[in-house]
Amino acid sequence: MSKGARTKETIVAAAMKAASVEGFNGLSIGNLATRLGMSKSGLFAHFGSKEELQKAVMDASSQLFLEAVWKPARATPRGLPRLRKLFDLWLAWMDSNPDLPGGCILTAAATEMDDKPGPVRDKLVAMQNEWMATLARGAELAVNEGHFRADLDCQQFAFELSGIVFSLSFYTRLLRDPQARFRAEAAFDDLIRRAAPAPAIQLANDL
């Protein structure tokens, strides 16, 4: 890795930590340069604008998420086992992450950027839509494996699953509710129960 690439990586890592605590709009090239002992013009030369820095932070945070959550979950047998693994890793990601002391950047940005049109918001929307499609596809695979009922609305499943995790962030970060993780796990178990096929004995009674 070249010296310039290493410097850029260092800047993005510091910016991720700052954005995790202060938000994307709190990112300042001037403040970041001071923290890193760089000149403002030197830092600016790597990104050109605050907007480009924000997008680089999103990319880096997304990559961390993929490495910590999606890749190990994908290595699990598809269907329900994969969804359970994904959920457990997702909760672990939300609970404790030394690279993001203030919590998941992409989750917080969903609220921070919702009414701020522009390329940064567009990038976040594209990332989140891709992730929602991944969750829905996971549910479809569970249907194909016979773990979920054939008539399951997989888009609804993705909606509810993501809602559980967003609620966890709200209850943990803002309300400091010590029961937040327990409630998230209970909500996930209920979602799985409702997605499961009807028991064979119930099917027999319905005939």
Protein backbone atom coordinates (compact mmCIF):
# COMPACT_ATOMS: atom_id res chain seq x y z
CA MET A 1 0.00 0.00 0.00
CA SER A 2 1.35 3.41 -0.95
CA LYS A 3 1.93 6.13 1.62
CA GLY A 4 -1.01 8.10 0.18
CA ALA A 5 -3.32 5.09 0.45
CA ARG A 6 -2.23 4.46 4.04
CA THR A 7 -2.85 8.10 4.93
CA LYS A 8 -6.28 7.99 3.33
CA GLU A 9 -7.11 4.81 5.26
CA THR A 10 -6.03 6.48 8.51
CA ILE A 11 -8.21 9.50 7.76
CA VAL A 12 -11.26 7.36 7.00
CA ALA A 13 -10.81 5.30 10.17
CA ALA A 14 -10.64 8.46 12.29
CA ALA A 15 -13.61 9.94 10.43
CA MET A 16 -15.66 6.79 11.08
CA LYS A 17 -15.10 7.05 14.81
CA ALA A 18 -15.94 10.75 14.75
CA ALA A 19 -19.09 10.25 12.67
CA SER A 20 -20.20 7.42 14.95
CA VAL A 21 -20.32 9.84 17.89
CA GLU A 22 -20.96 13.21 16.24
CA GLY A 23 -22.95 12.18 13.16
CA PHE A 24 -22.21 12.70 9.48
CA ASN A 25 -23.07 16.36 9.62
CA GLY A 26 -20.68 16.74 12.53
CA LEU A 27 -17.76 15.65 10.36
CA SER A 28 -15.44 18.58 9.81
CA ILE A 29 -12.31 18.45 7.67
CA GLY A 30 -10.78 21.12 9.89
CA ASN A 31 -11.45 19.27 13.16
CA LEU A 32 -10.38 15.97 11.66
CA ALA A 33 -7.12 17.50 10.43
CA THR A 34 -6.43 18.81 13.92
CA ARG A 35 -7.06 15.40 15.50
CA LEU A 36 -4.72 13.72 13.04
CA GLY A 37 -2.03 16.40 13.20
CA MET A 38 -2.45 17.21 9.52
CA SER A 39 -2.97 20.42 7.65
CA LYS A 40 -6.50 21.11 6.47
CA SER A 41 -5.28 21.45 2.90
CA GLY A 42 -3.40 18.15 3.17
CA LEU A 43 -6.50 16.30 4.32
CA PHE A 44 -8.66 18.09 1.77
CA ALA A 45 -6.33 16.91 -1.00
CA HIS A 46 -7.31 13.28 -0.30
CA PHE A 47 -11.05 13.83 -0.67
CA GLY A 48 -11.72 17.21 -2.25
CA SER A 49 -14.86 17.88 -0.22
CA LYS A 50 -16.69 17.00 2.96
CA GLU A 51 -19.23 15.14 0.80
CA GLU A 52 -16.57 12.84 -0.65
CA LEU A 53 -15.26 12.19 2.85
CA GLN A 54 -18.76 11.26 4.02
CA LYS A 55 -19.18 8.84 1.12
CA ALA A 56 -15.79 7.26 1.86
CA VAL A 57 -16.83 6.79 5.49
CA MET A 58 -20.05 5.09 4.35
CA ASP A 59 -18.10 2.73 2.12
CA ALA A 60 -15.67 1.85 4.90
CA SER A 61 -18.45 1.33 7.45
CA SER A 62 -20.35 -0.86 4.98
CA GLN A 63 -17.25 -2.97 4.40
CA LEU A 64 -16.76 -3.44 8.15
CA PHE A 65 -20.39 -4.53 8.41
CA LEU A 66 -20.03 -7.03 5.58
CA GLU A 67 -16.92 -8.53 7.16
CA ALA A 68 -18.43 -8.73 10.65
CA VAL A 69 -22.01 -9.74 9.81
CA TRP A 70 -22.79 -10.79 6.26
CA LYS A 71 -19.76 -12.87 5.30
CA PRO A 72 -19.79 -15.15 8.36
CA ALA A 73 -23.60 -15.45 8.14
CA ARG A 74 -23.34 -16.40 4.48
CA ALA A 75 -20.99 -19.24 5.44
CA THR A 76 -23.85 -20.76 7.48
CA PRO A 77 -26.30 -23.17 5.78
CA ARG A 78 -28.94 -21.16 3.98
CA GLY A 79 -32.46 -20.72 5.25
CA LEU A 80 -33.33 -20.33 8.92
CA PRO A 81 -29.83 -21.19 10.26
CA ARG A 82 -28.35 -18.39 8.14
CA LEU A 83 -30.99 -15.88 9.25
CA ARG A 84 -30.44 -16.75 12.91
CA LYS A 85 -26.68 -16.36 12.53
CA LEU A 86 -27.15 -13.08 10.68
CA PHE A 87 -29.42 -11.74 13.40
CA ASP A 88 -27.03 -12.74 16.20
CA LEU A 89 -24.08 -11.12 14.43
CA TRP A 90 -26.11 -8.02 13.60
CA LEU A 91 -27.02 -7.58 17.26
CA ALA A 92 -23.39 -8.07 18.27
CA TRP A 93 -22.44 -5.40 15.72
CA MET A 94 -24.98 -3.00 17.20
CA ASP A 95 -24.02 -3.75 20.81
CA SER A 96 -20.27 -3.31 20.74
CA ASN A 97 -17.89 -2.18 18.04
CA PRO A 98 -14.52 -0.60 18.92
CA ASP A 99 -14.30 0.99 15.46
CA LEU A 100 -17.66 2.71 16.01
CA PRO A 101 -17.87 3.83 19.67
CA GLY A 102 -21.13 5.70 19.10
CA GLY A 103 -22.89 2.82 17.36
CA CYS A 104 -23.58 1.86 13.78
CA ILE A 105 -23.04 4.82 11.45
CA LEU A 106 -25.42 3.57 8.77
CA THR A 107 -28.25 3.10 11.25
CA ALA A 108 -27.82 6.59 12.70
CA ALA A 109 -27.45 8.11 9.24
CA ALA A 110 -30.84 6.74 8.21
CA THR A 111 -32.41 9.33 10.53
CA GLU A 112 -29.82 12.03 10.07
CA MET A 113 -29.96 11.98 6.27
CA ASP A 114 -33.64 11.23 5.63
CA ASP A 115 -34.55 14.86 4.82
CA LYS A 116 -31.25 15.93 3.28
CA PRO A 117 -31.36 15.26 -0.47
CA GLY A 118 -28.10 14.88 -2.31
CA PRO A 119 -25.48 12.30 -3.31
CA VAL A 120 -24.68 11.24 0.26
CA ARG A 121 -28.32 10.44 0.96
CA ASP A 122 -28.62 8.74 -2.43
CA LYS A 123 -25.67 6.52 -1.61
CA LEU A 124 -27.15 5.59 1.77
CA VAL A 125 -30.53 4.79 0.20
CA ALA A 126 -28.86 2.52 -2.37
CA MET A 127 -26.95 0.71 0.38
CA GLN A 128 -30.03 0.23 2.53
CA ASN A 129 -32.17 -0.93 -0.39
CA GLU A 130 -29.52 -3.50 -1.26
CA TRP A 131 -29.49 -4.71 2.34
CA MET A 132 -33.30 -4.95 2.49
CA ALA A 133 -33.18 -7.01 -0.72
CA THR A 134 -30.58 -9.27 0.91
CA LEU A 135 -32.85 -9.82 3.93
CA ALA A 136 -35.82 -10.58 1.69
CA ARG A 137 -33.71 -13.00 -0.33
CA GLY A 138 -32.71 -14.71 2.92
CA ALA A 139 -36.38 -15.22 3.73
CA GLU A 140 -37.01 -16.57 0.21
CA LEU A 141 -34.25 -19.13 0.71
CA ALA A 142 -35.84 -20.15 4.01
CA VAL A 143 -39.13 -20.68 2.13
CA ASN A 144 -37.31 -22.78 -0.48
CA GLU A 145 -35.71 -24.86 2.27
CA GLY A 146 -39.10 -25.50 3.87
CA HIS A 147 -38.20 -23.54 7.00
CA PHE A 148 -40.82 -20.85 6.31
CA ARG A 149 -44.33 -21.17 4.93
CA ALA A 150 -44.80 -20.96 1.17
CA ASP A 151 -47.07 -17.91 1.28
CA LEU A 152 -44.70 -15.79 3.38
CA ASP A 153 -44.42 -12.13 2.32
CA CYS A 154 -40.62 -11.95 2.23
CA GLN A 155 -40.59 -8.17 1.82
CA GLN A 156 -42.67 -7.86 4.97
CA PHE A 157 -40.28 -10.20 6.75
CA ALA A 158 -37.35 -7.96 5.77
CA PHE A 159 -39.32 -4.89 6.92
CA GLU A 160 -40.00 -6.38 10.35
CA LEU A 161 -36.50 -7.78 10.81
CA SER A 162 -34.86 -4.45 10.04
CA GLY A 163 -37.41 -2.75 12.29
CA ILE A 164 -36.33 -4.94 15.21
CA VAL A 165 -32.72 -3.86 14.80
CA PHE A 166 -33.60 -0.18 14.41
CA SER A 167 -35.70 -0.44 17.58
CA LEU A 168 -32.78 -2.05 19.38
CA SER A 169 -30.60 0.93 18.48
CA PHE A 170 -33.26 3.36 19.74
CA TYR A 171 -33.84 1.55 23.02
CA THR A 172 -30.13 0.93 23.62
CA ARG A 173 -28.58 4.22 22.52
CA LEU A 174 -31.24 6.74 23.52
CA LEU A 175 -33.32 5.11 26.25
CA ARG A 176 -30.49 3.05 27.77
CA ASP A 177 -32.98 0.23 28.32
CA PRO A 178 -31.13 -2.76 29.86
CA GLN A 179 -33.83 -5.05 28.45
CA ALA A 180 -33.33 -3.87 24.86
CA ARG A 181 -31.42 -6.91 23.63
CA PHE A 182 -33.79 -9.31 25.37
CA ARG A 183 -36.75 -7.59 23.72
CA ALA A 184 -35.05 -7.68 20.31
CA GLU A 185 -34.40 -11.40 20.64
CA ALA A 186 -38.00 -12.01 21.73
CA ALA A 187 -39.29 -10.02 18.76
CA PHE A 188 -37.09 -12.03 16.39
CA ASP A 189 -38.29 -15.33 17.86
CA ASP A 190 -41.89 -14.18 17.37
CA LEU A 191 -41.15 -13.19 13.77
CA ILE A 192 -39.68 -16.64 13.11
CA ARG A 193 -42.69 -18.36 14.71
CA ARG A 194 -45.09 -16.43 12.50
CA ALA A 195 -43.05 -17.27 9.40
CA ALA A 196 -42.88 -20.98 10.15
CA PRO A 197 -45.02 -23.53 8.27
CA ALA A 198 -48.21 -24.68 9.96
CA PRO A 199 -47.69 -27.86 12.02
CA ALA A 200 -48.71 -31.06 10.25
CA ILE A 201 -51.38 -31.79 12.88
CA GLN A 202 -52.96 -28.39 12.19
CA LEU A 203 -52.97 -29.09 8.47
CA ALA A 204 -54.74 -32.39 9.10
CA ASN A 205 -57.40 -30.68 11.20
CA ASP A 206 -57.97 -28.11 8.47
CA LEU A 207 -58.70 -30.75 5.85
